[in-house]
Amino acid sequence: MARRTFMRSLLAGAIAFPFLPVTQPAIAAAHQPKALVLSCIDFRFVTALQQFLEPTFAQQYDWTALAGASLALAGFPHQADAAAFWDQLDLSYRLHHVEKVIIFDHQDCGAYASLIDPQLSKNPDREEQVHKDYLNRAYSAIKKRYPQLNVELYFLKLDREVKSILPANEIPQMAEKLKVNYGYA
């Protein structure tokens, strides 16, 4: 009886084997990310983020998602979230030699609402300013540990608009460049 069951199983496997998909081995050398992306865990923005990143990075980025994105670097909801980000950045930098960190915060973030104000999203100007503040804190923390890395900051709106946030410490430098290069006061 056992022999008959074994033979049936063997026959079924022999019939099914040619139809199994052929997999290709992962090629480590071909994977050379250009950046580490930090985003929130909110599923509503995943497609918009991928569409925004695709033209420049063609899926050549490492991706870390933590609730609140920039808020996680401030240790919310736990210091372990900040530690997780620093561990991921360290690995991405050492193993993949990334040259850039890109942080995406977004409108109507539950992590921000739970820490700052449950009504934060009701005032879009205040909400964006709070995100700018935390994005700038994240920028400063990254530049302090990794001064050689470029850091880009973005704020995503519910309508999928991606707004670039200029780091606060670069605003005076930009103003000076405009003044020197273009005569603006």
C-alpha atoms as a PDB file:
ATOM      1  CA  MET A   1       0.000   0.000   0.000  1.00  0.00           C
ATOM      2  CA  ALA A   2       2.744   2.452   0.920  1.00  0.00           C
ATOM      3  CA  ARG A   3       4.589   1.570  -2.263  1.00  0.00           C
ATOM      4  CA  ARG A   4       1.509   2.294  -4.368  1.00  0.00           C
ATOM      5  CA  THR A   5       1.059   5.724  -2.666  1.00  0.00           C
ATOM      6  CA  PHE A   6       4.718   6.498  -3.220  1.00  0.00           C
ATOM      7  CA  MET A   7       4.488   5.626  -6.909  1.00  0.00           C
ATOM      8  CA  ARG A   8       1.398   7.834  -7.361  1.00  0.00           C
ATOM      9  CA  SER A   9       3.197  10.741  -5.680  1.00  0.00           C
ATOM     10  CA  LEU A  10       6.254  10.199  -7.830  1.00  0.00           C
ATOM     11  CA  LEU A  11       4.141  10.106 -10.984  1.00  0.00           C
ATOM     12  CA  ALA A  12       2.261  13.282 -10.001  1.00  0.00           C
ATOM     13  CA  GLY A  13       5.554  15.059  -9.316  1.00  0.00           C
ATOM     14  CA  ALA A  14       7.014  13.947 -12.646  1.00  0.00           C
ATOM     15  CA  ILE A  15       3.969  15.286 -14.486  1.00  0.00           C
ATOM     16  CA  ALA A  16       3.903  18.608 -12.601  1.00  0.00           C
ATOM     17  CA  PHE A  17       7.659  19.296 -12.671  1.00  0.00           C
ATOM     18  CA  PRO A  18       7.899  20.675 -16.232  1.00  0.00           C
ATOM     19  CA  PHE A  19       5.172  23.215 -15.448  1.00  0.00           C
ATOM     20  CA  LEU A  20       6.869  24.740 -12.403  1.00  0.00           C
ATOM     21  CA  PRO A  21       8.211  28.240 -13.016  1.00  0.00           C
ATOM     22  CA  VAL A  22      11.927  28.511 -13.566  1.00  0.00           C
ATOM     23  CA  THR A  23      13.508  30.931 -11.129  1.00  0.00           C
ATOM     24  CA  GLN A  24      16.572  32.998 -11.736  1.00  0.00           C
ATOM     25  CA  PRO A  25      19.196  33.342  -9.027  1.00  0.00           C
ATOM     26  CA  ALA A  26      19.500  36.769  -7.435  1.00  0.00           C
ATOM     27  CA  ILE A  27      22.491  38.650  -8.738  1.00  0.00           C
ATOM     28  CA  ALA A  28      23.930  40.741  -5.928  1.00  0.00           C
ATOM     29  CA  ALA A  29      26.276  42.743  -8.137  1.00  0.00           C
ATOM     30  CA  ALA A  30      23.398  44.055 -10.256  1.00  0.00           C
ATOM     31  CA  HIS A  31      21.681  45.551  -7.202  1.00  0.00           C
ATOM     32  CA  GLN A  32      23.270  48.941  -6.632  1.00  0.00           C
ATOM     33  CA  PRO A  33      20.736  51.229  -4.955  1.00  0.00           C
ATOM     34  CA  LYS A  34      21.218  54.943  -5.328  1.00  0.00           C
ATOM     35  CA  ALA A  35      19.320  55.921  -2.185  1.00  0.00           C
ATOM     36  CA  LEU A  36      17.660  54.832   1.009  1.00  0.00           C
ATOM     37  CA  VAL A  37      14.004  55.844   1.067  1.00  0.00           C
ATOM     38  CA  LEU A  38      12.200  56.348   4.376  1.00  0.00           C
ATOM     39  CA  SER A  39       8.428  56.534   4.210  1.00  0.00           C
ATOM     40  CA  CYS A  40       5.498  56.079   6.522  1.00  0.00           C
ATOM     41  CA  ILE A  41       3.757  52.719   6.703  1.00  0.00           C
ATOM     42  CA  ASP A  42       0.482  54.187   5.372  1.00  0.00           C
ATOM     43  CA  PHE A  43      -0.602  52.072   2.400  1.00  0.00           C
ATOM     44  CA  ARG A  44      -2.470  54.972   0.763  1.00  0.00           C
ATOM     45  CA  PHE A  45       0.776  56.496  -0.480  1.00  0.00           C
ATOM     46  CA  VAL A  46       2.788  53.491  -1.686  1.00  0.00           C
ATOM     47  CA  THR A  47       1.752  53.768  -5.336  1.00  0.00           C
ATOM     48  CA  ALA A  48       2.311  57.538  -5.428  1.00  0.00           C
ATOM     49  CA  LEU A  49       5.771  57.094  -3.910  1.00  0.00           C
ATOM     50  CA  GLN A  50       6.740  54.416  -6.404  1.00  0.00           C
ATOM     51  CA  GLN A  51       5.502  56.510  -9.326  1.00  0.00           C
ATOM     52  CA  PHE A  52       7.451  59.513  -8.051  1.00  0.00           C
ATOM     53  CA  LEU A  53      10.667  57.529  -7.578  1.00  0.00           C
ATOM     54  CA  GLU A  54      10.518  55.426 -10.754  1.00  0.00           C
ATOM     55  CA  PRO A  55      11.736  57.984 -13.350  1.00  0.00           C
ATOM     56  CA  THR A  56      14.855  58.831 -11.346  1.00  0.00           C
ATOM     57  CA  PHE A  57      15.671  55.609  -9.547  1.00  0.00           C
ATOM     58  CA  ALA A  58      14.111  52.790 -11.604  1.00  0.00           C
ATOM     59  CA  GLN A  59      13.584  50.713  -8.452  1.00  0.00           C
ATOM     60  CA  GLN A  60      17.223  51.160  -7.459  1.00  0.00           C
ATOM     61  CA  TYR A  61      16.652  52.156  -3.859  1.00  0.00           C
ATOM     62  CA  ASP A  62      16.470  50.538  -0.470  1.00  0.00           C
ATOM     63  CA  TRP A  63      13.160  51.176   1.273  1.00  0.00           C
ATOM     64  CA  THR A  64      12.424  51.476   4.974  1.00  0.00           C
ATOM     65  CA  ALA A  65       8.932  52.214   6.268  1.00  0.00           C
ATOM     66  CA  LEU A  66       8.290  53.440   9.808  1.00  0.00           C
ATOM     67  CA  ALA A  67       5.135  55.002  11.220  1.00  0.00           C
ATOM     68  CA  GLY A  68       5.435  58.763  10.850  1.00  0.00           C
ATOM     69  CA  ALA A  69       8.628  58.555   8.736  1.00  0.00           C
ATOM     70  CA  SER A  70      10.533  61.628  10.001  1.00  0.00           C
ATOM     71  CA  LEU A  71       8.733  61.332  13.330  1.00  0.00           C
ATOM     72  CA  ALA A  72      10.371  57.932  13.834  1.00  0.00           C
ATOM     73  CA  LEU A  73      13.790  59.588  13.888  1.00  0.00           C
ATOM     74  CA  ALA A  74      12.579  61.564  16.908  1.00  0.00           C
ATOM     75  CA  GLY A  75      11.917  58.241  18.650  1.00  0.00           C
ATOM     76  CA  PHE A  76       8.176  57.991  18.111  1.00  0.00           C
ATOM     77  CA  PRO A  77       6.420  55.774  18.921  1.00  0.00           C
ATOM     78  CA  HIS A  78       9.509  54.205  20.553  1.00  0.00           C
ATOM     79  CA  GLN A  79      13.244  54.821  20.583  1.00  0.00           C
ATOM     80  CA  ALA A  80      13.533  51.445  18.863  1.00  0.00           C
ATOM     81  CA  ASP A  81      12.051  53.048  15.733  1.00  0.00           C
ATOM     82  CA  ALA A  82      14.876  55.569  15.584  1.00  0.00           C
ATOM     83  CA  ALA A  83      17.398  52.792  16.233  1.00  0.00           C
ATOM     84  CA  ALA A  84      15.851  50.713  13.446  1.00  0.00           C
ATOM     85  CA  PHE A  85      16.226  53.598  10.992  1.00  0.00           C
ATOM     86  CA  TRP A  86      19.879  54.171  11.935  1.00  0.00           C
ATOM     87  CA  ASP A  87      20.589  50.444  11.595  1.00  0.00           C
ATOM     88  CA  GLN A  88      18.975  50.378   8.140  1.00  0.00           C
ATOM     89  CA  LEU A  89      20.855  53.480   7.009  1.00  0.00           C
ATOM     90  CA  ASP A  90      24.133  52.069   8.291  1.00  0.00           C
ATOM     91  CA  LEU A  91      23.604  48.807   6.404  1.00  0.00           C
ATOM     92  CA  SER A  92      22.436  50.557   3.251  1.00  0.00           C
ATOM     93  CA  TYR A  93      25.438  52.881   3.359  1.00  0.00           C
ATOM     94  CA  ARG A  94      28.026  50.176   4.096  1.00  0.00           C
ATOM     95  CA  LEU A  95      26.665  47.419   1.875  1.00  0.00           C
ATOM     96  CA  HIS A  96      25.107  49.351  -0.983  1.00  0.00           C
ATOM     97  CA  HIS A  97      27.070  52.603  -0.844  1.00  0.00           C
ATOM     98  CA  VAL A  98      23.967  54.781  -1.106  1.00  0.00           C
ATOM     99  CA  GLU A  99      24.668  58.457  -1.624  1.00  0.00           C
ATOM    100  CA  LYS A 100      21.270  59.830  -0.712  1.00  0.00           C
ATOM    101  CA  VAL A 101      18.491  59.540   1.855  1.00  0.00           C
ATOM    102  CA  ILE A 102      14.970  60.490   0.773  1.00  0.00           C
ATOM    103  CA  ILE A 103      12.297  61.023   3.416  1.00  0.00           C
ATOM    104  CA  PHE A 104       8.589  61.150   2.633  1.00  0.00           C
ATOM    105  CA  ASP A 105       6.101  62.439   5.188  1.00  0.00           C
ATOM    106  CA  HIS A 106       2.438  62.699   4.240  1.00  0.00           C
ATOM    107  CA  GLN A 107      -0.786  64.518   4.919  1.00  0.00           C
ATOM    108  CA  ASP A 108      -3.302  62.977   7.328  1.00  0.00           C
ATOM    109  CA  CYS A 109      -0.674  60.883   9.127  1.00  0.00           C
ATOM    110  CA  GLY A 110      -2.035  58.881  12.039  1.00  0.00           C
ATOM    111  CA  ALA A 111       1.320  58.836  13.843  1.00  0.00           C
ATOM    112  CA  TYR A 112       1.481  62.640  13.801  1.00  0.00           C
ATOM    113  CA  ALA A 113      -2.152  62.864  14.909  1.00  0.00           C
ATOM    114  CA  SER A 114      -1.520  60.554  17.849  1.00  0.00           C
ATOM    115  CA  LEU A 115       1.564  62.475  19.029  1.00  0.00           C
ATOM    116  CA  ILE A 116       0.849  66.100  18.124  1.00  0.00           C
ATOM    117  CA  ASP A 117      -2.889  66.634  17.828  1.00  0.00           C
ATOM    118  CA  PRO A 118      -5.770  64.386  16.710  1.00  0.00           C
ATOM    119  CA  GLN A 119      -7.153  67.373  14.766  1.00  0.00           C
ATOM    120  CA  LEU A 120      -3.845  68.208  13.038  1.00  0.00           C
ATOM    121  CA  SER A 121      -5.077  67.316   9.551  1.00  0.00           C
ATOM    122  CA  LYS A 122      -7.997  69.754   9.908  1.00  0.00           C
ATOM    123  CA  ASN A 123      -5.537  72.661   9.557  1.00  0.00           C
ATOM    124  CA  PRO A 124      -3.446  71.962   6.421  1.00  0.00           C
ATOM    125  CA  ASP A 125      -1.060  74.899   6.910  1.00  0.00           C
ATOM    126  CA  ARG A 126      -0.272  73.937  10.505  1.00  0.00           C
ATOM    127  CA  GLU A 127      -0.017  70.272   9.537  1.00  0.00           C
ATOM    128  CA  GLU A 128       2.503  70.991   6.797  1.00  0.00           C
ATOM    129  CA  GLN A 129       4.542  73.229   9.112  1.00  0.00           C
ATOM    130  CA  VAL A 130       4.706  70.520  11.791  1.00  0.00           C
ATOM    131  CA  HIS A 131       5.911  68.036   9.169  1.00  0.00           C
ATOM    132  CA  LYS A 132       8.497  70.541   7.913  1.00  0.00           C
ATOM    133  CA  ASP A 133       9.803  70.918  11.459  1.00  0.00           C
ATOM    134  CA  TYR A 134      10.237  67.173  11.943  1.00  0.00           C
ATOM    135  CA  LEU A 135      11.629  66.691   8.441  1.00  0.00           C
ATOM    136  CA  ASN A 136      14.228  69.354   9.221  1.00  0.00           C
ATOM    137  CA  ARG A 137      15.106  67.635  12.493  1.00  0.00           C
ATOM    138  CA  ALA A 138      15.585  64.392  10.579  1.00  0.00           C
ATOM    139  CA  TYR A 139      17.709  66.199   7.981  1.00  0.00           C
ATOM    140  CA  SER A 140      19.975  67.645  10.676  1.00  0.00           C
ATOM    141  CA  ALA A 141      20.338  64.312  12.467  1.00  0.00           C
ATOM    142  CA  ILE A 142      21.289  62.499   9.247  1.00  0.00           C
ATOM    143  CA  LYS A 143      23.739  65.206   8.149  1.00  0.00           C
ATOM    144  CA  LYS A 144      25.342  65.129  11.601  1.00  0.00           C
ATOM    145  CA  ARG A 145      26.043  61.380  11.333  1.00  0.00           C
ATOM    146  CA  TYR A 146      26.555  61.203   7.566  1.00  0.00           C
ATOM    147  CA  PRO A 147      27.662  64.642   6.316  1.00  0.00           C
ATOM    148  CA  GLN A 148      28.631  63.154   2.943  1.00  0.00           C
ATOM    149  CA  LEU A 149      25.074  61.996   2.162  1.00  0.00           C
ATOM    150  CA  ASN A 150      22.582  64.065   0.230  1.00  0.00           C
ATOM    151  CA  VAL A 151      19.208  64.283   1.939  1.00  0.00           C
ATOM    152  CA  GLU A 152      15.920  65.078   0.190  1.00  0.00           C
ATOM    153  CA  LEU A 153      12.698  65.856   2.039  1.00  0.00           C
ATOM    154  CA  TYR A 154       9.163  65.560   0.674  1.00  0.00           C
ATOM    155  CA  PHE A 155       5.601  66.017   1.862  1.00  0.00           C
ATOM    156  CA  LEU A 156       2.871  64.050   0.071  1.00  0.00           C
ATOM    157  CA  LYS A 157      -0.642  65.366  -0.066  1.00  0.00           C
ATOM    158  CA  LEU A 158      -3.782  63.263  -0.221  1.00  0.00           C
ATOM    159  CA  ASP A 159      -4.240  64.270  -3.872  1.00  0.00           C
ATOM    160  CA  ARG A 160      -0.824  62.627  -4.588  1.00  0.00           C
ATOM    161  CA  GLU A 161       0.995  65.938  -5.011  1.00  0.00           C
ATOM    162  CA  VAL A 162       4.613  65.526  -3.917  1.00  0.00           C
ATOM    163  CA  LYS A 163       5.969  68.725  -2.429  1.00  0.00           C
ATOM    164  CA  SER A 164       9.726  69.199  -2.032  1.00  0.00           C
ATOM    165  CA  ILE A 165      10.718  70.589   1.365  1.00  0.00           C
ATOM    166  CA  LEU A 166      13.894  72.652   1.367  1.00  0.00           C
ATOM    167  CA  PRO A 167      15.893  72.075   4.560  1.00  0.00           C
ATOM    168  CA  ALA A 168      15.739  75.159   6.777  1.00  0.00           C
ATOM    169  CA  ASN A 169      19.508  75.487   7.030  1.00  0.00           C
ATOM    170  CA  GLU A 170      19.797  75.608   3.229  1.00  0.00           C
ATOM    171  CA  ILE A 171      17.341  78.477   2.777  1.00  0.00           C
ATOM    172  CA  PRO A 172      19.911  81.205   3.645  1.00  0.00           C
ATOM    173  CA  GLN A 173      22.429  79.543   1.299  1.00  0.00           C
ATOM    174  CA  MET A 174      19.864  79.476  -1.516  1.00  0.00           C
ATOM    175  CA  ALA A 175      18.976  83.121  -0.900  1.00  0.00           C
ATOM    176  CA  GLU A 176      22.648  84.061  -1.088  1.00  0.00           C
ATOM    177  CA  LYS A 177      23.082  82.133  -4.354  1.00  0.00           C
ATOM    178  CA  LEU A 178      20.079  83.904  -5.864  1.00  0.00           C
ATOM    179  CA  LYS A 179      21.443  87.252  -4.757  1.00  0.00           C
ATOM    180  CA  VAL A 180      24.933  86.612  -6.156  1.00  0.00           C
ATOM    181  CA  ASN A 181      23.925  84.798  -9.343  1.00  0.00           C
ATOM    182  CA  TYR A 182      20.783  86.695 -10.280  1.00  0.00           C
ATOM    183  CA  GLY A 183      20.891  89.987  -8.415  1.00  0.00           C
ATOM    184  CA  TYR A 184      17.875  89.224  -6.229  1.00  0.00           C
ATOM    185  CA  ALA A 185      17.837  90.868  -2.831  1.00  0.00           C
END
